[in-house]
Amino acid sequence: MRIALDRIKGIIGQLQDFYLLSFHGLVGTLRRPFYSKDLIEQMNYAGFGSLLVILLISLFIGMALSLQLSAELSRLGLKMYTGKVVGISIIREIGPVLIAVVFAGRVGSGMASELGSMVLGHQVDTLRVFGVDPVKKLVTPRILSAVAMLPVLTIIGDAVALFGAYYIAVFVSHQSGTFFWSSIRDILTYENILAGSIKPFIFGYLIACISCYMGLSTKGGAVGLRRTTTQAVVLSFIAIIVADFIMTRVLLYILGFTL
């Protein structure tokens, strides 16, 4: 019984530390000093460094989705709706979630391992000795870079996925390219764009906060670093899926969709 209570207390304490770190990391954007050099470096790592893998994955996901939907819809005589179904799926759900998962696997793991190495090397303690706030110096630039770059990567990934879907629809399924893009224009409504544009900001914030917290919680040498990096990626994946469901439900309610 006591072991269970101690474990519950430990979980509550970890959640409290996580919320405090997330809050102070966000508030740090409003207080001086502003570490612009660190911010640019993190944006380059999170954005440009992730661009190639995002392009490749988005392209083939769009192609695979278009191929599968064309095959299924053709059985029902509804192949002309491939563009509309693919567009809604990519813009509202698949694009934001898939790119956030890739972002967490590449950028989130890098944040956690980098901060974990700094903790094990006592570099974070050195910052405190010199009067530098580690959260302001290390966490805030990473939160800002993730929140800024993930939406940009999502827009690029969605566009590439749609071009991949177009290629399959036109050159493999022999559909009309003009009708395909007309269907895409029809689904570019305020509701769909809003649903697809809000999620990356939330996902980026969650990924950065989780990764930074796990990295700064590292202890136990190389084994501890491996454990916290793995936990950062796994927890980011879970947070993305749960947050996606919650935001989808809330947005459907706000936008007046009936179930």
Foldseek 3Di string as FASTA:
>chain_A
DVVVVVVVVVVVVLVVVLVVLLVCLQCLVVDDDAPVVLLVVLLCCLAVVCQVVLLVVLLVVLQVQLVVVCVVVVVVVRNLCSLLVSLLCLQQPDLLLVLLLSSLVRSLLVLLLVLLVCVVVCVCVVCVVVVHDCSSVRQNSQLVSQLPRQLVSSVVSSVSSSVSSLCCVCVPVNDDSVSSVVSNVVNPDPLSNVNRRPLSNVLSSLLSSLSNSLSNPFDDPPVSSVVSSVVSSVVSSVCSVVVSVVSVVVSCVVVVPDD
